[in-house]
């Protein structure tokens, strides 16, 4: 009997003893208590007062805004100085107080600023206007200097290039100047009362008209008054083969300038 029981015990040795009665209920209750505790902790944590965010962010925002206001004020001051320099024709010199310097500083603070860009274009246009006047008056060195200063601001400007080409052509031109004699000017005042004088005047202007045609010349008329200039034009236009194109300037003495290329003169002589 003892041996039988011993054998039976060994055969069931791998079986687990059943848990004590009531143990599962105790574990379940303990689990509920633990979950309740954790839930309470989470609730307390979520409702606990949060620490205030650092104010560094607001300071970082305020600083750029302050810089922007300072830049805007500086731009307005520079615009006023630039306009003053333009009015005084201090376009690029002296450098420290020139309109070019002020507009350039504005573009450093506010790239693409429309008023600053327009101001630079105004400087270029003024230099081109001065260059054209200098070319017409054969002040070629002055014209070159004006174009060089304009090119510092806008080196790729097509207007500067066109004016420079005009200057180049003008430098190559020869000039023939005819000072109108006093007797011709007096004949205008006689109101064509002397037929012989009128014929002499007509022959005089016809010779000049023929030169204009032969040389394919451009004409500049210098007269003491607008009325005298129109009279000169009418006399010359009567003798040219095609309608005369001429520019008129008020100046003394009364004269007629023929501008032509030297090769044109050579060809006409052959």
Protein backbone atom coordinates (compact mmCIF):
# COMPACT_ATOMS: atom_id res chain seq x y z
CA UNK A 1 0.00 0.00 0.00
CA UNK A 2 2.78 2.37 0.85
CA UNK A 3 4.58 1.50 -2.35
CA UNK A 4 1.43 2.14 -4.36
CA UNK A 5 0.93 5.53 -2.87
CA UNK A 6 4.55 6.39 -3.46
CA UNK A 7 4.25 5.42 -7.12
CA UNK A 8 1.08 7.46 -7.52
CA UNK A 9 2.69 10.47 -5.99
CA UNK A 10 5.61 10.31 -8.40
CA UNK A 11 3.27 10.03 -11.38
CA UNK A 12 1.50 13.29 -10.44
CA UNK A 13 4.57 15.21 -9.39
CA UNK A 14 4.37 17.46 -12.49
CA UNK A 15 0.89 18.65 -11.65
CA UNK A 16 0.67 22.06 -9.93
CA UNK A 17 -1.14 22.30 -6.72
CA UNK A 18 -4.32 24.32 -7.05
CA UNK A 19 -4.06 27.86 -5.74
CA UNK A 20 -5.46 28.49 -2.37
CA UNK A 21 -9.09 29.43 -2.43
CA UNK A 22 -9.65 33.16 -2.61
CA UNK A 23 -6.17 33.93 -4.00
CA UNK A 24 -7.47 34.98 -7.49
CA UNK A 25 -9.92 37.45 -5.98
CA UNK A 26 -7.17 39.01 -3.93
CA UNK A 27 -4.95 39.49 -6.96
CA UNK A 28 -7.80 41.11 -8.93
CA UNK A 29 -8.56 43.53 -6.11
CA UNK A 30 -4.88 44.43 -5.81
CA UNK A 31 -4.69 45.11 -9.53
CA UNK A 32 -7.70 47.44 -9.31
CA UNK A 33 -6.11 49.33 -6.45
CA UNK A 34 -2.88 49.74 -8.41
CA UNK A 35 -4.69 51.02 -11.51
CA UNK A 36 -6.72 53.44 -9.43
CA UNK A 37 -3.56 54.76 -7.85
CA UNK A 38 -1.89 55.26 -11.23
CA UNK A 39 -5.00 56.95 -12.64
CA UNK A 40 -5.11 59.31 -9.73
CA UNK A 41 -1.48 60.19 -10.25
CA UNK A 42 -2.15 60.95 -13.91
CA UNK A 43 -5.11 63.14 -13.02
CA UNK A 44 -3.11 65.03 -10.46
CA UNK A 45 -0.28 65.45 -12.92
CA UNK A 46 -2.53 66.74 -15.70
CA UNK A 47 -4.24 69.25 -13.41
CA UNK A 48 -1.14 70.43 -11.68
CA UNK A 49 -0.17 74.05 -12.47
CA UNK A 50 2.31 74.15 -15.36
CA UNK A 51 5.45 76.26 -15.13
CA UNK A 52 5.34 79.44 -17.20
CA UNK A 53 7.16 79.37 -20.55
CA UNK A 54 10.39 81.31 -20.63
CA UNK A 55 10.13 84.82 -22.08
CA UNK A 56 13.16 84.42 -24.30
CA UNK A 57 10.96 83.84 -27.34
CA UNK A 58 9.09 87.13 -26.93
CA UNK A 59 12.36 88.93 -26.51
CA UNK A 60 13.65 87.29 -29.70
CA UNK A 61 10.58 88.54 -31.58
CA UNK A 62 10.78 92.04 -30.13
CA UNK A 63 14.39 92.49 -31.18
CA UNK A 64 13.83 92.00 -34.94
CA UNK A 65 10.80 94.29 -34.79
CA UNK A 66 12.91 96.96 -33.15
CA UNK A 67 15.62 96.54 -35.81
CA UNK A 68 13.00 96.83 -38.55
CA UNK A 69 11.74 100.11 -37.14
CA UNK A 70 15.27 101.45 -36.94
CA UNK A 71 15.97 100.45 -40.55
CA UNK A 72 12.73 102.08 -41.73
CA UNK A 73 13.62 105.34 -40.00
CA UNK A 74 17.12 105.22 -41.48
CA UNK A 75 15.72 104.67 -44.97
CA UNK A 76 13.46 107.72 -44.66
CA UNK A 77 16.38 109.86 -43.51
CA UNK A 78 18.54 108.64 -46.39
CA UNK A 79 15.77 109.32 -48.91
CA UNK A 80 15.56 112.92 -47.73
CA UNK A 81 19.33 113.32 -48.05
CA UNK A 82 19.31 111.72 -51.51
CA UNK A 83 16.62 114.07 -52.79
CA UNK A 84 18.54 117.03 -51.44
CA UNK A 85 21.68 115.82 -53.21
CA UNK A 86 19.78 115.39 -56.48
CA UNK A 87 18.44 118.94 -56.27
CA UNK A 88 21.98 120.22 -55.72
CA UNK A 89 23.25 118.05 -58.63
CA UNK A 90 25.59 116.15 -56.34
CA UNK A 91 25.02 113.00 -58.34
CA UNK A 92 28.19 111.00 -57.67
CA UNK A 93 30.55 113.60 -56.22
CA UNK A 94 31.54 114.37 -53.57
CA UNK A 95 31.21 110.70 -52.74
CA UNK A 96 30.30 111.08 -49.06
CA UNK A 97 27.29 113.32 -49.71
CA UNK A 98 26.27 112.24 -53.21
CA UNK A 99 22.85 111.01 -54.25
CA UNK A 100 24.48 107.82 -55.53
CA UNK A 101 25.92 107.06 -52.08
CA UNK A 102 22.63 107.68 -50.28
CA UNK A 103 20.59 105.55 -52.69
CA UNK A 104 23.17 102.76 -52.45
CA UNK A 105 22.96 102.77 -48.65
CA UNK A 106 19.17 102.54 -48.88
CA UNK A 107 19.48 99.44 -51.05
CA UNK A 108 21.84 97.91 -48.49
CA UNK A 109 19.17 98.33 -45.80
CA UNK A 110 16.18 97.53 -48.03
CA UNK A 111 17.20 95.59 -51.15
CA UNK A 112 15.03 96.41 -54.14
CA UNK A 113 13.60 99.59 -52.59
CA UNK A 114 11.61 101.16 -55.48
CA UNK A 115 12.41 104.79 -54.68
CA UNK A 116 16.11 104.07 -54.40
CA UNK A 117 16.15 102.22 -57.72
CA UNK A 118 14.21 105.04 -59.38
CA UNK A 119 16.69 107.53 -57.95
CA UNK A 120 19.63 105.70 -59.48
CA UNK A 121 17.87 105.65 -62.85
CA UNK A 122 17.31 109.40 -62.53
CA UNK A 123 21.04 109.90 -62.02
CA UNK A 124 21.81 107.87 -65.15
CA UNK A 125 19.28 109.84 -67.20
CA UNK A 126 20.76 113.15 -66.06
CA UNK A 127 24.28 112.10 -67.04
CA UNK A 128 23.05 110.98 -70.46
CA UNK A 129 21.30 114.32 -70.98
CA UNK A 130 24.48 116.17 -70.08
CA UNK A 131 26.50 113.92 -72.40
CA UNK A 132 24.16 114.61 -75.33
CA UNK A 133 24.47 118.35 -74.77
CA UNK A 134 28.25 118.07 -74.62
CA UNK A 135 28.30 116.02 -77.85
CA UNK A 136 26.22 118.63 -79.64
CA UNK A 137 28.62 121.33 -78.48
CA UNK A 138 31.65 119.18 -79.42
CA UNK A 139 32.80 119.00 -75.82
CA UNK A 140 33.77 115.39 -76.27
CA UNK A 141 35.89 115.08 -73.14
CA UNK A 142 32.97 116.22 -71.00
CA UNK A 143 30.64 113.82 -72.79
CA UNK A 144 33.02 110.94 -72.13
CA UNK A 145 33.26 111.82 -68.44
CA UNK A 146 29.46 111.97 -68.07
CA UNK A 147 29.02 108.59 -69.73
CA UNK A 148 31.71 107.01 -67.57
CA UNK A 149 29.94 108.16 -64.42
CA UNK A 150 26.61 106.89 -65.70
CA UNK A 151 28.20 103.52 -66.48
CA UNK A 152 29.37 103.18 -62.88
CA UNK A 153 25.72 103.03 -61.85
CA UNK A 154 24.23 101.06 -64.74
CA UNK A 155 27.02 99.54 -66.85
CA UNK A 156 24.63 97.55 -69.07
CA UNK A 157 22.27 100.42 -69.87
CA UNK A 158 21.30 100.40 -73.58
CA UNK A 159 20.82 104.18 -73.44
CA UNK A 160 24.41 104.66 -72.32
CA UNK A 161 25.61 102.38 -75.11
CA UNK A 162 23.61 104.30 -77.73
CA UNK A 163 24.94 107.64 -76.51
CA UNK A 164 28.50 106.31 -76.50
CA UNK A 165 28.05 105.21 -80.12
CA UNK A 166 26.78 108.67 -81.00
CA UNK A 167 29.85 110.16 -79.34
CA UNK A 168 32.13 107.83 -81.29
CA UNK A 169 30.54 108.81 -84.60
CA UNK A 170 30.67 112.49 -83.72
CA UNK A 171 34.37 112.29 -82.93
CA UNK A 172 35.00 110.85 -86.37
CA UNK A 173 33.08 113.60 -88.14
CA UNK A 174 34.71 116.54 -89.80
CA UNK A 175 33.15 119.97 -89.36
CA UNK A 176 32.90 122.76 -91.88
CA UNK A 177 31.76 126.10 -90.49
CA UNK A 178 30.38 128.93 -92.58
CA UNK A 179 29.95 132.24 -90.77
CA UNK A 180 27.09 134.09 -92.43
CA UNK A 181 28.34 137.47 -93.71
CA UNK A 182 26.77 140.68 -92.50
CA UNK A 183 25.51 141.64 -95.97
CA UNK A 184 23.48 138.41 -96.10
CA UNK A 185 21.90 139.14 -92.73
CA UNK A 186 21.16 142.71 -93.81
CA UNK A 187 19.48 141.43 -96.97
CA UNK A 188 16.94 139.64 -94.81
CA UNK A 189 15.97 142.97 -93.24
CA UNK A 190 15.53 144.64 -96.64
CA UNK A 191 12.40 142.52 -97.21
CA UNK A 192 13.46 141.56 -100.76
CA UNK A 193 13.29 145.17 -102.01
CA UNK A 194 16.50 144.78 -104.03
CA UNK A 195 16.27 142.10 -106.75
CA UNK A 196 20.01 142.05 -107.36
CA UNK A 197 20.71 141.55 -103.69
CA UNK A 198 18.14 138.78 -103.52
CA UNK A 199 19.88 136.97 -106.35
CA UNK A 200 23.23 137.25 -104.60
CA UNK A 201 21.73 135.88 -101.40
CA UNK A 202 20.13 132.98 -103.27
CA UNK A 203 23.44 132.11 -104.95
CA UNK A 204 25.22 132.26 -101.61
CA UNK A 205 22.88 129.77 -99.96
CA UNK A 206 22.76 127.56 -103.08
CA UNK A 207 26.50 126.98 -102.84
CA UNK A 208 26.12 125.84 -99.24
CA UNK A 209 23.15 123.64 -100.15
CA UNK A 210 25.24 121.93 -102.83
CA UNK A 211 27.97 121.24 -100.25
CA UNK A 212 25.37 119.70 -97.95
CA UNK A 213 24.27 117.34 -100.72
CA UNK A 214 27.82 116.50 -101.83
CA UNK A 215 29.02 115.72 -98.31
CA UNK A 216 25.80 114.12 -97.11
CA UNK A 217 26.28 116.46 -94.18
CA UNK A 218 24.25 117.00 -91.05
CA UNK A 219 23.54 120.67 -90.45
CA UNK A 220 23.49 122.79 -87.33
CA UNK A 221 22.28 126.37 -87.60
CA UNK A 222 23.38 129.00 -85.10
CA UNK A 223 21.40 132.23 -85.15
CA UNK A 224 20.78 135.30 -83.02
CA UNK A 225 17.04 134.62 -82.85
CA UNK A 226 14.52 131.93 -83.67
CA UNK A 227 13.18 133.99 -86.58
CA UNK A 228 16.64 134.36 -88.09
CA UNK A 229 17.23 130.64 -87.69
CA UNK A 230 14.00 129.79 -89.53
CA UNK A 231 15.04 132.13 -92.35
CA UNK A 232 18.41 130.39 -92.67
CA UNK A 233 16.68 127.04 -92.85
CA UNK A 234 14.28 128.19 -95.58
CA UNK A 235 17.11 129.54 -97.72
CA UNK A 236 19.13 126.31 -97.48
CA UNK A 237 16.14 124.01 -97.90
CA UNK A 238 15.30 125.65 -101.24
CA UNK A 239 18.61 124.47 -102.72
CA UNK A 240 19.00 120.92 -101.35
CA UNK A 241 17.92 117.87 -103.34
CA UNK A 242 15.98 116.44 -100.41
CA UNK A 243 14.31 118.04 -97.45
CA UNK A 244 16.93 119.53 -95.20
CA UNK A 245 17.25 118.15 -91.69
CA UNK A 246 18.94 120.61 -89.37
CA UNK A 247 19.09 121.54 -85.71
CA UNK A 248 18.83 125.14 -84.55
CA UNK A 249 20.67 126.79 -81.68
CA UNK A 250 20.58 130.36 -80.47
CA UNK A 251 24.14 131.64 -80.45
CA UNK A 252 26.48 134.20 -81.94
CA UNK A 253 27.89 134.66 -84.49
CA UNK A 254 25.30 133.53 -87.01
CA UNK A 255 26.81 130.49 -88.70
CA UNK A 256 26.13 127.21 -90.46
CA UNK A 257 27.94 124.02 -89.46
CA UNK A 258 28.23 121.00 -91.73
CA UNK A 259 29.07 117.73 -89.98
CA UNK A 260 30.22 114.87 -92.18
CA UNK A 261 32.45 111.82 -92.22
CA UNK A 262 35.84 112.38 -93.89
CA UNK A 263 35.33 109.41 -96.22
CA UNK A 264 32.14 111.04 -97.51
CA UNK A 265 34.19 114.04 -98.58
CA UNK A 266 36.70 111.82 -100.38
CA UNK A 267 33.99 109.96 -102.27
CA UNK A 268 32.26 113.16 -103.32
CA UNK A 269 35.52 114.53 -104.73
CA UNK A 270 36.08 111.50 -106.98
